[in-house]
Amino acid sequence: MAIGVTNAPEKSKSSGSIINDPQVRGIFYQAVTIIILAVLIYWIVDNTVENLKRANIASGYGFVRSRAGFDVGQSLIAFTSDSTYGRALVVGFVNTLLVAITGIITATVIGFIVGIGRLSHNWIIAKLSLAYVEVFRNIPPLLVIFFWYSGVLAILPQAREALALPFDIFVSNRGVAFPKPMFGEGSHYTLIALIISIIASVVFARYARQQQMATGQRLPVLWIVLGLVIGIPLVTFLASGAPLAFDVPVAGKFNLTGGSVVGPEFMSLFLALSFYTAAFIAEIVRAGIRGVSKGQTEAAHALGIRPRLTTRLVVVPQAMRIIIPPLTSQYLNLTKNSSLAVAVGYADLVAVGGTILNQTGQAIEVVSIWLIVYLSLSLATSAFMNWYNARMALVER
């Protein structure tokens, strides 16, 4: 009797412990979640296939080899209406990269200037920087694009009355026209020299940094790098007979002829995204500088370092460790906001893909291309910024 009485509670306790085990419950909930997701995905795929069959739409990516039949307003690579849909998507991708890269560079420069200006002891500079940040941060980016497109660029003079700037540059409501470089025979030697000089500059900069960390001696990196990057290609260019000419734009009765033209669509998108994102970057820069201990500045001043050098050599390098992580998010936002280009007719990936979708009806394929491209750009940007953040991390000696 005693043995029977003691065994029953032990059995109950054992079964109860399995049910209340957090690890068992976790596995059970994960299994249920996976089953629900699998059923949901199967339902979506099956429903999509049935709808495509009902609409007589063939699935697949074979359409990319078909003739496009439309023109693209601005293209960095050769494209005509006889080109394929695949080449049209490449054109849109390159245009997206162009506005993203140029926008990121410009927004970073403006953001750092405004962010440091927010901390200026000059009352006018500080207040103007504050006004800039508050205005652009509280306006939707689409309205900023329309402002540049309809409120600034559209009211410029017509092409026949274009504003003439130095170096044969003309500005009108059709964009900015500038001389087009025409490279002759032997110009590839200059390109090779430029690549070699850039590699040499990187190697020297790393050597100079190691010397500074080991001995404390600072080498004139800036002047040597400028001499390498400018001097070697320039000497090579002159030695190869200066194989370069320019196709200069000429103002005619009704239009500009010759040269290269950057259309108002790109200019409005580029300026809008740059100025909009720069407002957020400015606040990130200001917060990063504020995050550096005030004692660092006081110590630099006590050593006789001038305020400008203190900011450049003491404060900003330490602030970068705070600035870089949120800065990555702004770069990703600018890249994704470039899809608003369709609002002003700039031929980015989304605009070109939308035209292809309307002509072919391949909605799933086109949308999947959008997803893959933007996801790849975001992951590549994040990977680069994580690498740069690791390089800027504080290393103990």
Protein backbone atom coordinates (compact mmCIF):
# COMPACT_ATOMS: atom_id res chain seq x y z
CA MET A 1 0.00 0.00 0.00
CA ALA A 2 2.75 2.41 0.86
CA ILE A 3 4.53 1.69 -2.41
CA GLY A 4 1.34 2.25 -4.46
CA VAL A 5 0.58 5.53 -2.73
CA THR A 6 4.05 6.94 -3.36
CA ASN A 7 4.15 5.91 -7.06
CA ALA A 8 0.96 7.74 -8.11
CA PRO A 9 2.09 11.26 -7.14
CA GLU A 10 5.47 10.67 -8.80
CA LYS A 11 3.75 9.78 -12.08
CA SER A 12 1.54 12.83 -11.89
CA LYS A 13 4.50 15.02 -11.04
CA SER A 14 6.48 13.65 -14.01
CA SER A 15 3.71 14.33 -16.53
CA GLY A 16 3.12 17.77 -15.09
CA SER A 17 6.78 18.69 -15.33
CA ILE A 18 6.83 17.90 -19.08
CA ILE A 19 3.83 20.15 -19.73
CA ASN A 20 5.28 22.99 -17.66
CA ASP A 21 8.81 22.65 -19.07
CA PRO A 22 9.63 25.98 -20.82
CA GLN A 23 11.87 24.24 -23.35
CA VAL A 24 9.10 21.82 -24.37
CA ARG A 25 6.57 24.65 -24.63
CA GLY A 26 9.01 26.67 -26.73
CA ILE A 27 9.52 23.81 -29.18
CA PHE A 28 5.77 23.23 -29.37
CA TYR A 29 4.97 26.89 -30.09
CA GLN A 30 7.72 27.09 -32.73
CA ALA A 31 6.42 23.95 -34.43
CA VAL A 32 2.88 25.36 -34.49
CA THR A 33 4.17 28.66 -35.92
CA ILE A 34 6.13 26.89 -38.67
CA ILE A 35 3.09 24.78 -39.61
CA ILE A 36 0.83 27.86 -39.80
CA LEU A 37 3.38 29.73 -41.95
CA ALA A 38 3.79 26.72 -44.25
CA VAL A 39 0.02 26.45 -44.71
CA LEU A 40 -0.27 30.20 -45.34
CA ILE A 41 2.53 30.18 -47.94
CA TYR A 42 1.01 27.14 -49.67
CA TRP A 43 -2.38 28.87 -49.79
CA ILE A 44 -0.88 32.06 -51.25
CA VAL A 45 1.11 30.18 -53.90
CA ASP A 46 -1.82 27.96 -54.86
CA ASN A 47 -4.20 30.91 -55.04
CA THR A 48 -1.72 32.88 -57.17
CA VAL A 49 -1.21 30.00 -59.61
CA GLU A 50 -4.96 29.54 -59.99
CA ASN A 51 -5.52 33.26 -60.61
CA LEU A 52 -2.75 33.33 -63.23
CA LYS A 53 -4.28 30.35 -65.03
CA ARG A 54 -7.71 31.97 -64.92
CA ALA A 55 -6.30 35.20 -66.41
CA ASN A 56 -4.24 33.30 -69.04
CA ILE A 57 -1.01 34.91 -67.84
CA ALA A 58 2.15 32.84 -68.25
CA SER A 59 4.45 33.02 -65.25
CA GLY A 60 8.24 33.16 -65.49
CA TYR A 61 10.99 35.61 -66.34
CA GLY A 62 11.21 34.88 -70.05
CA PHE A 63 9.67 38.28 -70.82
CA VAL A 64 12.99 40.02 -70.01
CA ARG A 65 14.29 38.89 -73.43
CA SER A 66 11.40 40.53 -75.30
CA ARG A 67 11.58 43.89 -77.07
CA ALA A 68 10.81 46.81 -74.76
CA GLY A 69 9.20 49.16 -77.29
CA PHE A 70 9.61 52.30 -75.17
CA ASP A 71 12.30 54.91 -74.60
CA VAL A 72 13.94 56.00 -71.36
CA GLY A 73 14.44 59.71 -70.74
CA GLN A 74 17.81 59.49 -69.01
CA SER A 75 20.21 56.57 -69.27
CA LEU A 76 23.87 56.13 -68.41
CA ILE A 77 24.11 53.13 -70.73
CA ALA A 78 22.99 52.77 -74.35
CA PHE A 79 19.26 52.07 -74.66
CA THR A 80 16.70 52.30 -77.47
CA SER A 81 13.13 51.16 -77.93
CA ASP A 82 14.51 48.03 -79.65
CA SER A 83 16.37 46.97 -76.49
CA THR A 84 14.99 44.22 -74.26
CA TYR A 85 12.99 44.50 -71.06
CA GLY A 86 16.02 43.11 -69.24
CA ARG A 87 18.21 45.98 -70.43
CA ALA A 88 15.49 48.43 -69.46
CA LEU A 89 15.58 47.03 -65.91
CA VAL A 90 19.37 47.40 -65.90
CA VAL A 91 18.95 51.05 -66.95
CA GLY A 92 16.50 51.61 -64.10
CA PHE A 93 18.84 49.90 -61.64
CA VAL A 94 21.81 52.06 -62.73
CA ASN A 95 19.68 55.22 -62.44
CA THR A 96 18.62 54.16 -58.95
CA LEU A 97 22.25 53.61 -57.97
CA LEU A 98 23.18 57.01 -59.40
CA VAL A 99 20.63 58.97 -57.37
CA ALA A 100 21.32 56.89 -54.23
CA ILE A 101 25.12 57.27 -54.29
CA THR A 102 25.15 60.96 -55.22
CA GLY A 103 22.37 61.66 -52.73
CA ILE A 104 24.18 59.87 -49.89
CA ILE A 105 27.41 61.78 -50.53
CA THR A 106 25.67 65.17 -50.76
CA ALA A 107 23.41 64.53 -47.76
CA THR A 108 26.40 63.50 -45.66
CA VAL A 109 28.34 66.66 -46.49
CA ILE A 110 25.35 68.96 -45.88
CA GLY A 111 24.34 67.06 -42.75
CA PHE A 112 27.79 67.35 -41.17
CA ILE A 113 28.00 71.06 -41.96
CA VAL A 114 24.53 71.78 -40.55
CA GLY A 115 25.06 69.48 -37.55
CA ILE A 116 28.25 71.28 -36.57
CA GLY A 117 26.53 74.60 -37.31
CA ARG A 118 23.84 73.69 -34.75
CA LEU A 119 26.58 73.77 -32.10
CA SER A 120 28.18 76.98 -33.35
CA HIS A 121 28.69 79.86 -30.91
CA ASN A 122 27.59 82.20 -33.72
CA TRP A 123 23.90 82.93 -33.03
CA ILE A 124 22.92 83.41 -36.69
CA ILE A 125 24.59 80.19 -37.87
CA ALA A 126 23.09 78.17 -35.01
CA LYS A 127 19.56 79.50 -35.61
CA LEU A 128 19.73 79.09 -39.40
CA SER A 129 20.88 75.49 -38.91
CA LEU A 130 18.04 74.91 -36.46
CA ALA A 131 15.49 76.37 -38.89
CA TYR A 132 16.80 74.17 -41.71
CA VAL A 133 16.51 71.01 -39.60
CA GLU A 134 13.03 71.80 -38.29
CA VAL A 135 11.65 72.70 -41.72
CA PHE A 136 12.93 69.71 -43.69
CA ARG A 137 12.36 67.14 -40.94
CA ASN A 138 8.67 67.99 -40.74
CA ILE A 139 7.84 67.90 -44.47
CA PRO A 140 7.09 64.64 -46.32
CA PRO A 141 9.83 63.82 -48.85
CA LEU A 142 7.32 63.70 -51.70
CA LEU A 143 6.40 67.35 -51.09
CA VAL A 144 10.09 68.28 -51.07
CA ILE A 145 10.46 66.59 -54.47
CA PHE A 146 7.48 68.53 -55.85
CA PHE A 147 8.90 71.74 -54.40
CA TRP A 148 12.17 71.35 -56.31
CA TYR A 149 10.48 70.10 -59.47
CA SER A 150 7.56 72.55 -59.73
CA GLY A 151 8.64 75.39 -57.46
CA VAL A 152 12.30 75.82 -58.41
CA LEU A 153 13.35 74.03 -61.61
CA ALA A 154 10.11 74.57 -63.55
CA ILE A 155 10.33 78.37 -63.24
CA LEU A 156 13.86 78.58 -64.66
CA PRO A 157 14.26 80.21 -68.11
CA GLN A 158 13.49 78.20 -71.23
CA ALA A 159 16.31 76.51 -73.12
CA ARG A 160 16.70 79.34 -75.67
CA GLU A 161 17.13 81.81 -72.79
CA ALA A 162 19.24 79.51 -70.59
CA LEU A 163 21.41 81.01 -67.89
CA ALA A 164 25.05 80.87 -69.01
CA LEU A 165 27.49 79.93 -66.26
CA PRO A 166 31.29 79.68 -66.39
CA PHE A 167 32.92 76.71 -68.15
CA ASP A 168 30.16 76.56 -70.80
CA ILE A 169 27.47 75.39 -68.37
CA PHE A 170 23.85 76.32 -69.11
CA VAL A 171 20.90 76.12 -66.71
CA SER A 172 17.29 76.07 -67.91
CA ASN A 173 13.97 74.43 -67.15
CA ARG A 174 15.19 71.46 -69.18
CA GLY A 175 18.05 70.80 -66.81
CA VAL A 176 21.75 71.54 -66.62
CA ALA A 177 23.81 71.28 -69.82
CA PHE A 178 27.58 70.96 -69.54
CA PRO A 179 30.53 69.99 -71.79
CA LYS A 180 30.71 66.29 -72.57
CA PRO A 181 34.21 64.77 -72.33
CA MET A 182 35.36 62.86 -75.43
CA PHE A 183 38.24 60.52 -74.63
CA GLY A 184 40.69 59.71 -77.40
CA GLU A 185 43.20 56.98 -78.05
CA GLY A 186 45.56 56.34 -75.16
CA SER A 187 43.23 57.70 -72.48
CA HIS A 188 43.13 54.27 -70.81
CA TYR A 189 46.69 54.85 -69.61
CA THR A 190 45.44 57.76 -67.51
CA LEU A 191 42.74 55.53 -66.02
CA ILE A 192 45.31 52.89 -65.13
CA ALA A 193 47.53 55.55 -63.54
CA LEU A 194 44.57 56.82 -61.50
CA ILE A 195 43.81 53.32 -60.18
CA ILE A 196 47.47 52.77 -59.27
CA SER A 197 47.67 56.14 -57.51
CA ILE A 198 44.51 55.41 -55.48
CA ILE A 199 45.94 52.06 -54.35
CA ALA A 200 49.23 53.74 -53.46
CA SER A 201 47.37 56.43 -51.51
CA VAL A 202 45.47 53.82 -49.47
CA VAL A 203 48.68 51.95 -48.69
CA PHE A 204 50.46 55.15 -47.64
CA ALA A 205 47.53 56.29 -45.49
CA ARG A 206 47.56 52.97 -43.63
CA TYR A 207 51.32 53.21 -43.16
CA ALA A 208 51.01 56.78 -41.85
CA ARG A 209 48.33 55.69 -39.39
CA GLN A 210 50.49 52.85 -38.09
CA GLN A 211 53.42 55.23 -37.69
CA GLN A 212 51.27 57.68 -35.76
CA MET A 213 49.96 54.95 -33.46
CA ALA A 214 53.49 53.65 -32.84
CA THR A 215 55.47 56.89 -32.53
CA GLY A 216 52.92 59.69 -32.29
CA GLN A 217 54.43 61.40 -35.36
CA ARG A 218 51.92 62.66 -37.94
CA LEU A 219 52.97 62.48 -41.57
CA PRO A 220 51.57 64.97 -44.16
CA VAL A 221 49.03 62.45 -45.45
CA LEU A 222 46.72 64.96 -47.15
CA TRP A 223 49.35 66.58 -49.36
CA ILE A 224 51.03 63.32 -50.29
CA VAL A 225 47.69 61.69 -51.17
CA LEU A 226 46.71 64.70 -53.28
CA GLY A 227 50.07 64.54 -55.01
CA LEU A 228 49.60 60.86 -55.80
CA VAL A 229 45.96 61.04 -56.90
CA ILE A 230 46.37 64.21 -58.99
CA GLY A 231 50.05 64.26 -59.93
CA ILE A 232 50.55 60.74 -61.33
CA PRO A 233 47.40 60.72 -63.54
CA LEU A 234 48.16 64.29 -64.70
CA VAL A 235 51.70 63.41 -65.74
CA THR A 236 50.42 60.29 -67.51
CA PHE A 237 47.69 62.31 -69.23
CA LEU A 238 50.19 64.87 -70.56
CA ALA A 239 52.71 62.20 -71.54
CA SER A 240 50.08 60.36 -73.61
CA GLY A 241 49.35 63.51 -75.62
CA ALA A 242 46.36 64.84 -73.64
CA PRO A 243 43.81 62.60 -75.42
CA LEU A 244 40.75 64.56 -74.30
CA ALA A 245 38.32 66.88 -76.05
CA PHE A 246 34.97 68.38 -75.05
CA ASP A 247 31.65 68.51 -76.86
CA VAL A 248 30.49 71.94 -75.70
CA PRO A 249 26.76 72.79 -75.56
CA VAL A 250 25.77 75.64 -77.81
CA ALA A 251 22.71 77.84 -77.30
CA GLY A 252 20.55 77.96 -80.43
CA LYS A 253 17.36 79.78 -81.34
CA PHE A 254 15.07 77.27 -79.68
CA ASN A 255 17.23 74.74 -77.89
CA LEU A 256 20.68 73.75 -76.71
CA THR A 257 22.72 71.43 -78.91
CA GLY A 258 25.71 69.31 -77.96
CA GLY A 259 27.14 68.49 -74.57
CA SER A 260 25.48 66.43 -71.87
CA VAL A 261 22.26 67.29 -70.07
CA VAL A 262 21.10 66.35 -66.58
CA GLY A 263 17.31 66.53 -66.70
CA PRO A 264 15.09 68.29 -64.18
CA GLU A 265 13.66 64.93 -63.06
CA PHE A 266 17.00 63.75 -61.73
CA MET A 267 17.91 67.17 -60.33
CA SER A 268 14.66 67.52 -58.39
CA LEU A 269 14.90 63.99 -56.95
CA PHE A 270 18.60 64.35 -56.13
CA LEU A 271 18.22 67.74 -54.44
CA ALA A 272 15.06 66.75 -52.55
CA LEU A 273 16.47 63.51 -51.13
CA SER A 274 19.80 65.15 -50.31
CA PHE A 275 18.35 68.13 -48.43
CA TYR A 276 15.65 66.04 -46.75
CA THR A 277 18.01 63.33 -45.48
CA ALA A 278 20.66 65.90 -44.51
CA ALA A 279 18.26 67.32 -41.89
CA PHE A 280 18.17 63.96 -40.09
CA ILE A 281 21.92 63.44 -40.49
CA ALA A 282 22.50 66.89 -38.95
CA GLU A 283 20.70 65.84 -35.77
CA ILE A 284 22.66 62.59 -35.66
CA VAL A 285 25.92 64.53 -35.97
CA ARG A 286 24.86 67.00 -33.28
CA ALA A 287 23.91 64.17 -30.90
CA GLY A 288 27.18 62.37 -31.61
CA ILE A 289 29.27 65.45 -30.84
CA ARG A 290 27.24 66.08 -27.69
CA GLY A 291 27.97 62.49 -26.67
CA VAL A 292 31.71 63.18 -26.47
CA SER A 293 32.83 64.18 -23.00
CA LYS A 294 33.40 67.89 -22.59
CA GLY A 295 36.63 67.06 -20.81
CA GLN A 296 38.11 65.94 -24.14
CA THR A 297 37.65 69.45 -25.57
CA GLU A 298 38.99 71.08 -22.41
CA ALA A 299 42.04 68.81 -22.42
CA ALA A 300 42.75 69.67 -26.07
CA HIS A 301 42.46 73.39 -25.35
CA ALA A 302 44.76 72.98 -22.34
CA LEU A 303 47.37 71.51 -24.68
CA GLY A 304 47.11 74.59 -26.89
CA ILE A 305 45.21 72.95 -29.76
CA ARG A 306 43.11 75.43 -31.73
CA PRO A 307 39.29 75.01 -31.70
CA ARG A 308 39.06 73.93 -35.36
CA LEU A 309 41.76 71.31 -34.92
CA THR A 310 40.12 70.17 -31.70
CA THR A 311 36.86 69.57 -33.53
CA ARG A 312 38.53 67.79 -36.47
CA LEU A 313 41.13 65.71 -34.62
CA VAL A 314 39.64 65.13 -31.17
CA VAL A 315 35.86 65.50 -31.11
CA VAL A 316 34.69 64.23 -34.51
CA PRO A 317 36.76 60.98 -34.51
CA GLN A 318 35.24 60.03 -31.15
CA ALA A 319 31.77 61.17 -32.19
CA MET A 320 31.90 58.94 -35.29
CA ARG A 321 31.54 55.88 -33.06
CA ILE A 322 28.15 57.26 -32.00
CA ILE A 323 27.17 58.66 -35.40
CA ILE A 324 27.76 55.67 -37.69
CA PRO A 325 25.01 53.24 -36.51
CA PRO A 326 22.07 55.68 -36.91
CA LEU A 327 23.72 57.12 -40.02
CA THR A 328 23.30 53.70 -41.66
CA SER A 329 19.54 53.93 -41.22
CA GLN A 330 19.45 57.28 -43.00
CA TYR A 331 21.44 55.90 -45.92
CA LEU A 332 18.95 53.04 -46.21
CA ASN A 333 16.03 55.48 -46.03
CA LEU A 334 17.48 57.62 -48.82
CA THR A 335 17.99 54.59 -51.05
CA LYS A 336 14.43 53.39 -50.50
CA ASN A 337 12.97 56.88 -50.87
CA SER A 338 14.49 57.02 -54.36
CA SER A 339 11.48 54.94 -55.44
CA LEU A 340 9.49 58.19 -55.23
CA ALA A 341 11.14 59.08 -58.56
CA VAL A 342 8.04 57.89 -60.38
CA ALA A 343 6.26 61.03 -59.10
CA VAL A 344 8.40 63.28 -61.34
CA GLY A 345 9.02 60.85 -64.19
CA TYR A 346 12.62 59.91 -63.41
CA ALA A 347 13.40 56.51 -64.90
CA ASP A 348 14.48 54.61 -61.81
CA LEU A 349 13.93 50.90 -61.22
CA VAL A 350 10.36 51.34 -59.96
CA ALA A 351 9.31 53.63 -62.82
CA VAL A 352 10.82 51.37 -65.50
CA GLY A 353 9.43 48.28 -63.81
CA GLY A 354 5.98 49.86 -63.66
CA THR A 355 6.03 50.46 -67.41
CA ILE A 356 7.10 46.85 -68.01
CA LEU A 357 4.39 45.60 -65.67
CA ASN A 358 1.70 47.53 -67.56
CA GLN A 359 2.89 46.19 -70.91
CA THR A 360 3.43 42.55 -69.97
CA GLY A 361 1.13 41.96 -67.02
CA GLN A 362 3.96 40.11 -65.20
CA ALA A 363 3.14 41.69 -61.86
CA ILE A 364 4.60 38.99 -59.62
CA GLU A 365 7.87 38.83 -61.51
CA VAL A 366 8.35 42.61 -61.64
CA VAL A 367 7.50 43.06 -57.96
CA SER A 368 9.88 40.22 -57.03
CA ILE A 369 12.66 41.98 -58.97
CA TRP A 370 11.94 45.16 -57.02
CA LEU A 371 12.09 43.28 -53.73
CA ILE A 372 15.34 41.49 -54.56
CA VAL A 373 17.10 44.64 -55.80
CA TYR A 374 16.14 46.88 -52.88
CA LEU A 375 16.85 44.12 -50.37
CA SER A 376 20.28 43.56 -51.93
CA LEU A 377 21.07 47.30 -51.89
CA SER A 378 20.03 47.56 -48.23
CA LEU A 379 22.07 44.53 -47.18
CA ALA A 380 25.12 45.75 -49.12
CA THR A 381 24.86 49.22 -47.52
CA SER A 382 24.46 47.71 -44.05
CA ALA A 383 27.42 45.38 -44.57
CA PHE A 384 29.67 48.24 -45.69
CA MET A 385 28.63 50.50 -42.80
CA ASN A 386 29.09 47.65 -40.29
CA TRP A 387 32.60 47.12 -41.65
CA TYR A 388 33.34 50.83 -41.40
CA ASN A 389 31.89 50.95 -37.88
CA ALA A 390 34.18 48.09 -36.84
CA ARG A 391 37.18 50.00 -38.22
CA MET A 392 36.19 53.09 -36.24
CA ALA A 393 35.66 51.15 -33.03
CA LEU A 394 37.92 52.00 -30.10
CA VAL A 395 40.79 49.52 -29.93
CA GLU A 396 42.61 49.11 -26.63
CA ARG A 397 46.40 49.02 -26.77
